[in-house]
Amino acid sequence: MHQWEVKFSPEANKELQSAIDYYNLQQPGLGLDFLLEFDNQIEHISFYPYACAIRYLNVRFALINRFPYAIHYTIKENINTIIVQTVISAFRNPEEHWKER
């Protein structure tokens, strides 16, 4: 078992920061809790990229524990890399989200 490299799209970085900021506004320190849960899920994905279901086309998704957010990612087998495409609220329709991009 090896760990895959994980890279983030610029949009995913912005969405992650936006979620952290949102939770910090709700309660000081909650953004850090969100980030820790996010990091735990990213670590799991990096070891088991095929464990998560395919949502559409070749995009897989993983839910973040304790928070209503999902990580949508693709796998680039030829370079052993996972690309995090988006980090969005589970309340948003991901297909509509992709159309907005």
PDB file of N, CA and C in Angstrom:
ATOM      1  N   MET A   1       0.852  -1.185   0.000  1.00  0.00           N
ATOM      2  CA  MET A   1       0.000   0.000   0.000  1.00  0.00           C
ATOM      3  C   MET A   1       0.893   1.242   0.000  1.00  0.00           C
ATOM      4  N   HIS A   2       0.597   2.149  -0.906  1.00  0.00           N
ATOM      5  CA  HIS A   2       1.356   3.396  -0.951  1.00  0.00           C
ATOM      6  C   HIS A   2       0.401   4.577  -0.917  1.00  0.00           C
ATOM      7  N   GLN A   3       0.941   5.670  -0.510  1.00  0.00           N
ATOM      8  CA  GLN A   3       0.147   6.892  -0.423  1.00  0.00           C
ATOM      9  C   GLN A   3       0.253   7.647  -1.741  1.00  0.00           C
ATOM     10  N   TRP A   4      -0.887   8.054  -2.268  1.00  0.00           N
ATOM     11  CA  TRP A   4      -0.923   8.829  -3.499  1.00  0.00           C
ATOM     12  C   TRP A   4      -0.712  10.302  -3.183  1.00  0.00           C
ATOM     13  N   GLU A   5      -0.145  11.026  -4.133  1.00  0.00           N
ATOM     14  CA  GLU A   5      -0.004  12.473  -3.981  1.00  0.00           C
ATOM     15  C   GLU A   5      -1.378  13.111  -4.169  1.00  0.00           C
ATOM     16  N   VAL A   6      -1.661  14.136  -3.383  1.00  0.00           N
ATOM     17  CA  VAL A   6      -2.939  14.845  -3.483  1.00  0.00           C
ATOM     18  C   VAL A   6      -2.659  16.296  -3.867  1.00  0.00           C
ATOM     19  N   LYS A   7      -3.329  16.745  -4.923  1.00  0.00           N
ATOM     20  CA  LYS A   7      -3.231  18.133  -5.369  1.00  0.00           C
ATOM     21  C   LYS A   7      -4.626  18.734  -5.366  1.00  0.00           C
ATOM     22  N   PHE A   8      -4.681  20.055  -5.269  1.00  0.00           N
ATOM     23  CA  PHE A   8      -5.951  20.775  -5.198  1.00  0.00           C
ATOM     24  C   PHE A   8      -6.087  21.736  -6.362  1.00  0.00           C
ATOM     25  N   SER A   9      -7.281  21.775  -6.938  1.00  0.00           N
ATOM     26  CA  SER A   9      -7.555  22.797  -7.945  1.00  0.00           C
ATOM     27  C   SER A   9      -7.610  24.144  -7.223  1.00  0.00           C
ATOM     28  N   PRO A  10      -7.366  25.239  -7.936  1.00  0.00           N
ATOM     29  CA  PRO A  10      -7.472  26.561  -7.291  1.00  0.00           C
ATOM     30  C   PRO A  10      -8.860  26.786  -6.688  1.00  0.00           C
ATOM     31  N   GLU A  11      -9.900  26.303  -7.381  1.00  0.00           N
ATOM     32  CA  GLU A  11     -11.266  26.460  -6.877  1.00  0.00           C
ATOM     33  C   GLU A  11     -11.458  25.698  -5.559  1.00  0.00           C
ATOM     34  N   ALA A  12     -10.907  24.495  -5.490  1.00  0.00           N
ATOM     35  CA  ALA A  12     -11.040  23.697  -4.263  1.00  0.00           C
ATOM     36  C   ALA A  12     -10.351  24.396  -3.093  1.00  0.00           C
ATOM     37  N   ASN A  13      -9.193  24.999  -3.346  1.00  0.00           N
ATOM     38  CA  ASN A  13      -8.511  25.747  -2.278  1.00  0.00           C
ATOM     39  C   ASN A  13      -9.374  26.895  -1.770  1.00  0.00           C
ATOM     40  N   LYS A  14      -9.999  27.623  -2.691  1.00  0.00           N
ATOM     41  CA  LYS A  14     -10.866  28.738  -2.306  1.00  0.00           C
ATOM     42  C   LYS A  14     -12.084  28.242  -1.530  1.00  0.00           C
ATOM     43  N   GLU A  15     -12.681  27.145  -1.996  1.00  0.00           N
ATOM     44  CA  GLU A  15     -13.860  26.602  -1.329  1.00  0.00           C
ATOM     45  C   GLU A  15     -13.527  26.096   0.066  1.00  0.00           C
ATOM     46  N   LEU A  16     -12.358  25.470   0.213  1.00  0.00           N
ATOM     47  CA  LEU A  16     -11.923  24.995   1.523  1.00  0.00           C
ATOM     48  C   LEU A  16     -11.757  26.176   2.482  1.00  0.00           C
ATOM     49  N   GLN A  17     -11.074  27.221   2.025  1.00  0.00           N
ATOM     50  CA  GLN A  17     -10.872  28.389   2.883  1.00  0.00           C
ATOM     51  C   GLN A  17     -12.193  29.054   3.237  1.00  0.00           C
ATOM     52  N   SER A  18     -13.097  29.108   2.285  1.00  0.00           N
ATOM     53  CA  SER A  18     -14.414  29.690   2.527  1.00  0.00           C
ATOM     54  C   SER A  18     -15.178  28.906   3.596  1.00  0.00           C
ATOM     55  N   ALA A  19     -15.092  27.580   3.547  1.00  0.00           N
ATOM     56  CA  ALA A  19     -15.769  26.744   4.547  1.00  0.00           C
ATOM     57  C   ALA A  19     -15.148  26.949   5.928  1.00  0.00           C
ATOM     58  N   ILE A  20     -13.830  27.020   5.988  1.00  0.00           N
ATOM     59  CA  ILE A  20     -13.142  27.262   7.265  1.00  0.00           C
ATOM     60  C   ILE A  20     -13.579  28.611   7.836  1.00  0.00           C
ATOM     61  N   ASP A  21     -13.589  29.637   7.005  1.00  0.00           N
ATOM     62  CA  ASP A  21     -14.005  30.968   7.452  1.00  0.00           C
ATOM     63  C   ASP A  21     -15.440  30.951   7.953  1.00  0.00           C
ATOM     64  N   TYR A  22     -16.320  30.273   7.218  1.00  0.00           N
ATOM     65  CA  TYR A  22     -17.725  30.190   7.607  1.00  0.00           C
ATOM     66  C   TYR A  22     -17.862  29.565   8.997  1.00  0.00           C
ATOM     67  N   TYR A  23     -17.192  28.447   9.218  1.00  0.00           N
ATOM     68  CA  TYR A  23     -17.318  27.779  10.513  1.00  0.00           C
ATOM     69  C   TYR A  23     -16.681  28.580  11.644  1.00  0.00           C
ATOM     70  N   ASN A  24     -15.614  29.303  11.352  1.00  0.00           N
ATOM     71  CA  ASN A  24     -15.021  30.169  12.382  1.00  0.00           C
ATOM     72  C   ASN A  24     -15.952  31.308  12.767  1.00  0.00           C
ATOM     73  N   LEU A  25     -16.765  31.771  11.806  1.00  0.00           N
ATOM     74  CA  LEU A  25     -17.750  32.805  12.128  1.00  0.00           C
ATOM     75  C   LEU A  25     -18.880  32.247  12.997  1.00  0.00           C
ATOM     76  N   GLN A  26     -19.199  30.980  12.804  1.00  0.00           N
ATOM     77  CA  GLN A  26     -20.261  30.352  13.589  1.00  0.00           C
ATOM     78  C   GLN A  26     -19.830  30.168  15.043  1.00  0.00           C
ATOM     79  N   GLN A  27     -18.564  29.762  15.200  1.00  0.00           N
ATOM     80  CA  GLN A  27     -18.024  29.530  16.546  1.00  0.00           C
ATOM     81  C   GLN A  27     -16.496  29.522  16.445  1.00  0.00           C
ATOM     82  N   PRO A  28     -15.816  30.341  17.233  1.00  0.00           N
ATOM     83  CA  PRO A  28     -14.352  30.349  17.176  1.00  0.00           C
ATOM     84  C   PRO A  28     -13.785  28.940  17.384  1.00  0.00           C
ATOM     85  N   GLY A  29     -12.880  28.559  16.496  1.00  0.00           N
ATOM     86  CA  GLY A  29     -12.252  27.244  16.593  1.00  0.00           C
ATOM     87  C   GLY A  29     -12.960  26.156  15.797  1.00  0.00           C
ATOM     88  N   LEU A  30     -14.195  26.403  15.390  1.00  0.00           N
ATOM     89  CA  LEU A  30     -14.931  25.394  14.643  1.00  0.00           C
ATOM     90  C   LEU A  30     -14.320  25.194  13.252  1.00  0.00           C
ATOM     91  N   GLY A  31     -13.756  26.247  12.696  1.00  0.00           N
ATOM     92  CA  GLY A  31     -13.065  26.130  11.409  1.00  0.00           C
ATOM     93  C   GLY A  31     -11.892  25.173  11.496  1.00  0.00           C
ATOM     94  N   LEU A  32     -11.162  25.208  12.611  1.00  0.00           N
ATOM     95  CA  LEU A  32     -10.054  24.278  12.814  1.00  0.00           C
ATOM     96  C   LEU A  32     -10.568  22.846  12.915  1.00  0.00           C
ATOM     97  N   ASP A  33     -11.684  22.659  13.611  1.00  0.00           N
ATOM     98  CA  ASP A  33     -12.290  21.322  13.693  1.00  0.00           C
ATOM     99  C   ASP A  33     -12.646  20.817  12.294  1.00  0.00           C
ATOM    100  N   PHE A  34     -13.217  21.701  11.480  1.00  0.00           N
ATOM    101  CA  PHE A  34     -13.554  21.335  10.108  1.00  0.00           C
ATOM    102  C   PHE A  34     -12.298  20.932   9.343  1.00  0.00           C
ATOM    103  N   LEU A  35     -11.243  21.729   9.463  1.00  0.00           N
ATOM    104  CA  LEU A  35      -9.996  21.446   8.756  1.00  0.00           C
ATOM    105  C   LEU A  35      -9.404  20.105   9.191  1.00  0.00           C
ATOM    106  N   LEU A  36      -9.459  19.791  10.475  1.00  0.00           N
ATOM    107  CA  LEU A  36      -8.938  18.510  10.953  1.00  0.00           C
ATOM    108  C   LEU A  36      -9.720  17.338  10.360  1.00  0.00           C
ATOM    109  N   GLU A  37     -11.034  17.459  10.315  1.00  0.00           N
ATOM    110  CA  GLU A  37     -11.856  16.397   9.715  1.00  0.00           C
ATOM    111  C   GLU A  37     -11.582  16.293   8.213  1.00  0.00           C
ATOM    112  N   PHE A  38     -11.424  17.432   7.565  1.00  0.00           N
ATOM    113  CA  PHE A  38     -11.085  17.460   6.143  1.00  0.00           C
ATOM    114  C   PHE A  38      -9.755  16.740   5.916  1.00  0.00           C
ATOM    115  N   ASP A  39      -8.737  17.096   6.714  1.00  0.00           N
ATOM    116  CA  ASP A  39      -7.414  16.466   6.574  1.00  0.00           C
ATOM    117  C   ASP A  39      -7.477  14.961   6.804  1.00  0.00           C
ATOM    118  N   ASN A  40      -8.282  14.522   7.760  1.00  0.00           N
ATOM    119  CA  ASN A  40      -8.437  13.086   8.004  1.00  0.00           C
ATOM    120  C   ASN A  40      -9.007  12.386   6.770  1.00  0.00           C
ATOM    121  N   GLN A  41      -9.993  13.003   6.146  1.00  0.00           N
ATOM    122  CA  GLN A  41     -10.593  12.396   4.954  1.00  0.00           C
ATOM    123  C   GLN A  41      -9.614  12.397   3.788  1.00  0.00           C
ATOM    124  N   ILE A  42      -8.848  13.473   3.637  1.00  0.00           N
ATOM    125  CA  ILE A  42      -7.836  13.534   2.574  1.00  0.00           C
ATOM    126  C   ILE A  42      -6.795  12.444   2.778  1.00  0.00           C
ATOM    127  N   GLU A  43      -6.380  12.221   4.007  1.00  0.00           N
ATOM    128  CA  GLU A  43      -5.403  11.164   4.274  1.00  0.00           C
ATOM    129  C   GLU A  43      -5.978   9.798   3.896  1.00  0.00           C
ATOM    130  N   HIS A  44      -7.235   9.566   4.255  1.00  0.00           N
ATOM    131  CA  HIS A  44      -7.881   8.295   3.893  1.00  0.00           C
ATOM    132  C   HIS A  44      -7.929   8.128   2.374  1.00  0.00           C
ATOM    133  N   ILE A  45      -8.318   9.192   1.676  1.00  0.00           N
ATOM    134  CA  ILE A  45      -8.378   9.154   0.215  1.00  0.00           C
ATOM    135  C   ILE A  45      -7.000   8.863  -0.372  1.00  0.00           C
ATOM    136  N   SER A  46      -5.967   9.446   0.215  1.00  0.00           N
ATOM    137  CA  SER A  46      -4.622   9.273  -0.334  1.00  0.00           C
ATOM    138  C   SER A  46      -4.124   7.833  -0.239  1.00  0.00           C
ATOM    139  N   PHE A  47      -4.657   7.068   0.705  1.00  0.00           N
ATOM    140  CA  PHE A  47      -4.280   5.662   0.826  1.00  0.00           C
ATOM    141  C   PHE A  47      -5.258   4.738   0.097  1.00  0.00           C
ATOM    142  N   TYR A  48      -6.513   5.148   0.019  1.00  0.00           N
ATOM    143  CA  TYR A  48      -7.556   4.316  -0.583  1.00  0.00           C
ATOM    144  C   TYR A  48      -8.390   5.130  -1.577  1.00  0.00           C
ATOM    145  N   PRO A  49      -7.795   5.576  -2.662  1.00  0.00           N
ATOM    146  CA  PRO A  49      -8.515   6.460  -3.574  1.00  0.00           C
ATOM    147  C   PRO A  49      -9.730   5.819  -4.248  1.00  0.00           C
ATOM    148  N   TYR A  50      -9.726   4.496  -4.384  1.00  0.00           N
ATOM    149  CA  TYR A  50     -10.835   3.821  -5.068  1.00  0.00           C
ATOM    150  C   TYR A  50     -11.948   3.402  -4.111  1.00  0.00           C
ATOM    151  N   ALA A  51     -11.799   3.685  -2.834  1.00  0.00           N
ATOM    152  CA  ALA A  51     -12.802   3.269  -1.845  1.00  0.00           C
ATOM    153  C   ALA A  51     -14.076   4.101  -1.923  1.00  0.00           C
ATOM    154  N   CYS A  52     -13.980   5.298  -2.432  1.00  0.00           N
ATOM    155  CA  CYS A  52     -15.145   6.180  -2.504  1.00  0.00           C
ATOM    156  C   CYS A  52     -15.889   5.979  -3.817  1.00  0.00           C
ATOM    157  N   ALA A  53     -17.188   6.184  -3.751  1.00  0.00           N
ATOM    158  CA  ALA A  53     -18.051   5.957  -4.911  1.00  0.00           C
ATOM    159  C   ALA A  53     -17.842   7.008  -5.994  1.00  0.00           C
ATOM    160  N   ILE A  54     -18.115   6.600  -7.218  1.00  0.00           N
ATOM    161  CA  ILE A  54     -18.112   7.531  -8.330  1.00  0.00           C
ATOM    162  C   ILE A  54     -19.450   8.260  -8.316  1.00  0.00           C
ATOM    163  N   ARG A  55     -19.383   9.573  -8.351  1.00  0.00           N
ATOM    164  CA  ARG A  55     -20.596  10.392  -8.308  1.00  0.00           C
ATOM    165  C   ARG A  55     -21.147  10.605  -9.714  1.00  0.00           C
ATOM    166  N   TYR A  56     -20.254  10.958 -10.642  1.00  0.00           N
ATOM    167  CA  TYR A  56     -20.616  11.142 -12.040  1.00  0.00           C
ATOM    168  C   TYR A  56     -19.335  11.135 -12.855  1.00  0.00           C
ATOM    169  N   LEU A  57     -19.442  10.667 -14.081  1.00  0.00           N
ATOM    170  CA  LEU A  57     -18.291  10.498 -14.975  1.00  0.00           C
ATOM    171  C   LEU A  57     -17.153   9.810 -14.226  1.00  0.00           C
ATOM    172  N   ASN A  58     -16.014  10.475 -14.069  1.00  0.00           N
ATOM    173  CA  ASN A  58     -14.886   9.881 -13.349  1.00  0.00           C
ATOM    174  C   ASN A  58     -14.620  10.593 -12.019  1.00  0.00           C
ATOM    175  N   VAL A  59     -15.608  11.321 -11.526  1.00  0.00           N
ATOM    176  CA  VAL A  59     -15.453  12.092 -10.289  1.00  0.00           C
ATOM    177  C   VAL A  59     -15.996  11.291  -9.110  1.00  0.00           C
ATOM    178  N   ARG A  60     -15.138  11.080  -8.129  1.00  0.00           N
ATOM    179  CA  ARG A  60     -15.517  10.376  -6.902  1.00  0.00           C
ATOM    180  C   ARG A  60     -15.785  11.407  -5.809  1.00  0.00           C
ATOM    181  N   PHE A  61     -16.472  10.965  -4.764  1.00  0.00           N
ATOM    182  CA  PHE A  61     -16.728  11.894  -3.665  1.00  0.00           C
ATOM    183  C   PHE A  61     -16.595  11.192  -2.323  1.00  0.00           C
ATOM    184  N   ALA A  62     -16.200  11.985  -1.344  1.00  0.00           N
ATOM    185  CA  ALA A  62     -16.064  11.504   0.035  1.00  0.00           C
ATOM    186  C   ALA A  62     -16.695  12.535   0.946  1.00  0.00           C
ATOM    187  N   LEU A  63     -17.489  12.061   1.884  1.00  0.00           N
ATOM    188  CA  LEU A  63     -18.116  12.960   2.844  1.00  0.00           C
ATOM    189  C   LEU A  63     -17.159  13.242   3.996  1.00  0.00           C
ATOM    190  N   ILE A  64     -17.230  14.445   4.515  1.00  0.00           N
ATOM    191  CA  ILE A  64     -16.390  14.842   5.646  1.00  0.00           C
ATOM    192  C   ILE A  64     -17.167  14.568   6.933  1.00  0.00           C
ATOM    193  N   ASN A  65     -16.556  13.851   7.851  1.00  0.00           N
ATOM    194  CA  ASN A  65     -17.209  13.530   9.127  1.00  0.00           C
ATOM    195  C   ASN A  65     -17.583  14.807   9.877  1.00  0.00           C
ATOM    196  N   ARG A  66     -18.757  14.772  10.532  1.00  0.00           N
ATOM    197  CA  ARG A  66     -19.260  15.833  11.396  1.00  0.00           C
ATOM    198  C   ARG A  66     -19.729  17.085  10.668  1.00  0.00           C
ATOM    199  N   PHE A  67     -19.428  17.228   9.395  1.00  0.00           N
ATOM    200  CA  PHE A  67     -19.770  18.439   8.662  1.00  0.00           C
ATOM    201  C   PHE A  67     -20.443  18.062   7.345  1.00  0.00           C
ATOM    202  N   PRO A  68     -21.431  18.835   6.921  1.00  0.00           N
ATOM    203  CA  PRO A  68     -22.146  18.498   5.687  1.00  0.00           C
ATOM    204  C   PRO A  68     -21.413  18.970   4.429  1.00  0.00           C
ATOM    205  N   TYR A  69     -20.214  18.472   4.246  1.00  0.00           N
ATOM    206  CA  TYR A  69     -19.404  18.815   3.090  1.00  0.00           C
ATOM    207  C   TYR A  69     -18.892  17.559   2.420  1.00  0.00           C
ATOM    208  N   ALA A  70     -18.668  17.679   1.117  1.00  0.00           N
ATOM    209  CA  ALA A  70     -18.135  16.560   0.340  1.00  0.00           C
ATOM    210  C   ALA A  70     -16.905  17.017  -0.442  1.00  0.00           C
ATOM    211  N   ILE A  71     -15.976  16.096  -0.575  1.00  0.00           N
ATOM    212  CA  ILE A  71     -14.774  16.310  -1.373  1.00  0.00           C
ATOM    213  C   ILE A  71     -14.996  15.562  -2.683  1.00  0.00           C
ATOM    214  N   HIS A  72     -14.911  16.264  -3.783  1.00  0.00           N
ATOM    215  CA  HIS A  72     -15.043  15.642  -5.098  1.00  0.00           C
ATOM    216  C   HIS A  72     -13.652  15.615  -5.730  1.00  0.00           C
ATOM    217  N   TYR A  73     -13.257  14.437  -6.207  1.00  0.00           N
ATOM    218  CA  TYR A  73     -11.898  14.297  -6.713  1.00  0.00           C
ATOM    219  C   TYR A  73     -11.833  13.339  -7.891  1.00  0.00           C
ATOM    220  N   THR A  74     -10.743  13.467  -8.644  1.00  0.00           N
ATOM    221  CA  THR A  74     -10.453  12.549  -9.739  1.00  0.00           C
ATOM    222  C   THR A  74      -9.114  11.882  -9.465  1.00  0.00           C
ATOM    223  N   ILE A  75      -8.929  10.740 -10.092  1.00  0.00           N
ATOM    224  CA  ILE A  75      -7.699   9.969  -9.930  1.00  0.00           C
ATOM    225  C   ILE A  75      -6.941   9.990 -11.250  1.00  0.00           C
ATOM    226  N   LYS A  76      -5.686  10.370 -11.185  1.00  0.00           N
ATOM    227  CA  LYS A  76      -4.800  10.349 -12.349  1.00  0.00           C
ATOM    228  C   LYS A  76      -3.825   9.195 -12.146  1.00  0.00           C
ATOM    229  N   GLU A  77      -4.202   8.016 -12.635  1.00  0.00           N
ATOM    230  CA  GLU A  77      -3.413   6.802 -12.411  1.00  0.00           C
ATOM    231  C   GLU A  77      -2.006   6.903 -12.977  1.00  0.00           C
ATOM    232  N   ASN A  78      -1.873   7.517 -14.145  1.00  0.00           N
ATOM    233  CA  ASN A  78      -0.573   7.562 -14.807  1.00  0.00           C
ATOM    234  C   ASN A  78       0.485   8.327 -14.013  1.00  0.00           C
ATOM    235  N   ILE A  79       0.049   9.200 -13.098  1.00  0.00           N
ATOM    236  CA  ILE A  79       1.022   9.951 -12.289  1.00  0.00           C
ATOM    237  C   ILE A  79       0.796   9.739 -10.781  1.00  0.00           C
ATOM    238  N   ASN A  80      -0.022   8.733 -10.431  1.00  0.00           N
ATOM    239  CA  ASN A  80      -0.309   8.410  -9.022  1.00  0.00           C
ATOM    240  C   ASN A  80      -0.710   9.640  -8.216  1.00  0.00           C
ATOM    241  N   THR A  81      -1.649  10.383  -8.780  1.00  0.00           N
ATOM    242  CA  THR A  81      -2.065  11.638  -8.162  1.00  0.00           C
ATOM    243  C   THR A  81      -3.579  11.715  -8.073  1.00  0.00           C
ATOM    244  N   ILE A  82      -4.036  12.281  -6.991  1.00  0.00           N
ATOM    245  CA  ILE A  82      -5.449  12.564  -6.781  1.00  0.00           C
ATOM    246  C   ILE A  82      -5.608  14.075  -6.897  1.00  0.00           C
ATOM    247  N   ILE A  83      -6.584  14.490  -7.693  1.00  0.00           N
ATOM    248  CA  ILE A  83      -6.846  15.915  -7.857  1.00  0.00           C
ATOM    249  C   ILE A  83      -8.170  16.237  -7.178  1.00  0.00           C
ATOM    250  N   VAL A  84      -8.125  17.034  -6.119  1.00  0.00           N
ATOM    251  CA  VAL A  84      -9.344  17.491  -5.461  1.00  0.00           C
ATOM    252  C   VAL A  84      -9.906  18.599  -6.326  1.00  0.00           C
ATOM    253  N   GLN A  85     -11.098  18.349  -6.882  1.00  0.00           N
ATOM    254  CA  GLN A  85     -11.714  19.281  -7.814  1.00  0.00           C
ATOM    255  C   GLN A  85     -12.564  20.337  -7.103  1.00  0.00           C
ATOM    256  N   THR A  86     -13.272  19.901  -6.056  1.00  0.00           N
ATOM    257  CA  THR A  86     -14.152  20.818  -5.349  1.00  0.00           C
ATOM    258  C   THR A  86     -14.407  20.333  -3.930  1.00  0.00           C
ATOM    259  N   VAL A  87     -14.705  21.281  -3.062  1.00  0.00           N
ATOM    260  CA  VAL A  87     -15.103  21.013  -1.672  1.00  0.00           C
ATOM    261  C   VAL A  87     -16.393  21.788  -1.490  1.00  0.00           C
ATOM    262  N   ILE A  88     -17.523  21.068  -1.481  1.00  0.00           N
ATOM    263  CA  ILE A  88     -18.797  21.780  -1.456  1.00  0.00           C
ATOM    264  C   ILE A  88     -19.726  21.246  -0.377  1.00  0.00           C
ATOM    265  N   SER A  89     -20.637  22.107  -0.007  1.00  0.00           N
ATOM    266  CA  SER A  89     -21.668  21.745   0.954  1.00  0.00           C
ATOM    267  C   SER A  89     -22.519  20.632   0.369  1.00  0.00           C
ATOM    268  N   ALA A  90     -22.878  19.684   1.198  1.00  0.00           N
ATOM    269  CA  ALA A  90     -23.736  18.579   0.766  1.00  0.00           C
ATOM    270  C   ALA A  90     -25.134  19.074   0.435  1.00  0.00           C
ATOM    271  N   PHE A  91     -25.452  20.304   0.795  1.00  0.00           N
ATOM    272  CA  PHE A  91     -26.756  20.873   0.492  1.00  0.00           C
ATOM    273  C   PHE A  91     -26.826  21.440  -0.935  1.00  0.00           C
ATOM    274  N   ARG A  92     -25.666  21.554  -1.573  1.00  0.00           N
ATOM    275  CA  ARG A  92     -25.636  22.062  -2.950  1.00  0.00           C
ATOM    276  C   ARG A  92     -25.681  20.896  -3.923  1.00  0.00           C
ATOM    277  N   ASN A  93     -26.285  21.125  -5.059  1.00  0.00           N
ATOM    278  CA  ASN A  93     -26.324  20.130  -6.119  1.00  0.00           C
ATOM    279  C   ASN A  93     -24.980  20.172  -6.848  1.00  0.00           C
ATOM    280  N   PRO A  94     -24.191  19.088  -6.786  1.00  0.00           N
ATOM    281  CA  PRO A  94     -22.866  19.126  -7.407  1.00  0.00           C
ATOM    282  C   PRO A  94     -22.904  19.314  -8.921  1.00  0.00           C
ATOM    283  N   GLU A  95     -23.939  18.796  -9.575  1.00  0.00           N
ATOM    284  CA  GLU A  95     -24.021  18.972 -11.015  1.00  0.00           C
ATOM    285  C   GLU A  95     -24.231  20.441 -11.374  1.00  0.00           C
ATOM    286  N   GLU A  96     -25.060  21.138 -10.592  1.00  0.00           N
ATOM    287  CA  GLU A  96     -25.247  22.574 -10.812  1.00  0.00           C
ATOM    288  C   GLU A  96     -23.962  23.333 -10.498  1.00  0.00           C
ATOM    289  N   HIS A  97     -23.266  22.891  -9.475  1.00  0.00           N
ATOM    290  CA  HIS A  97     -21.991  23.516  -9.095  1.00  0.00           C
ATOM    291  C   HIS A  97     -20.992  23.435 -10.242  1.00  0.00           C
ATOM    292  N   TRP A  98     -20.907  22.274 -10.892  1.00  0.00           N
ATOM    293  CA  TRP A  98     -19.971  22.107 -12.010  1.00  0.00           C
ATOM    294  C   TRP A  98     -20.358  22.997 -13.168  1.00  0.00           C
ATOM    295  N   LYS A  99     -21.655  23.192 -13.389  1.00  0.00           N
ATOM    296  CA  LYS A  99     -22.101  24.049 -14.490  1.00  0.00           C
ATOM    297  C   LYS A  99     -21.706  25.503 -14.246  1.00  0.00           C
ATOM    298  N   GLU A 100     -21.634  25.911 -12.971  1.00  0.00           N
ATOM    299  CA  GLU A 100     -21.269  27.284 -12.626  1.00  0.00           C
ATOM    300  C   GLU A 100     -19.801  27.571 -12.914  1.00  0.00           C
ATOM    301  N   ARG A 101     -19.000  26.550 -12.974  1.00  0.00           N
ATOM    302  CA  ARG A 101     -17.566  26.744 -13.181  1.00  0.00           C
ATOM    303  C   ARG A 101     -17.264  27.028 -14.601  1.00  0.00           C
TER     304      ARG A 101
END
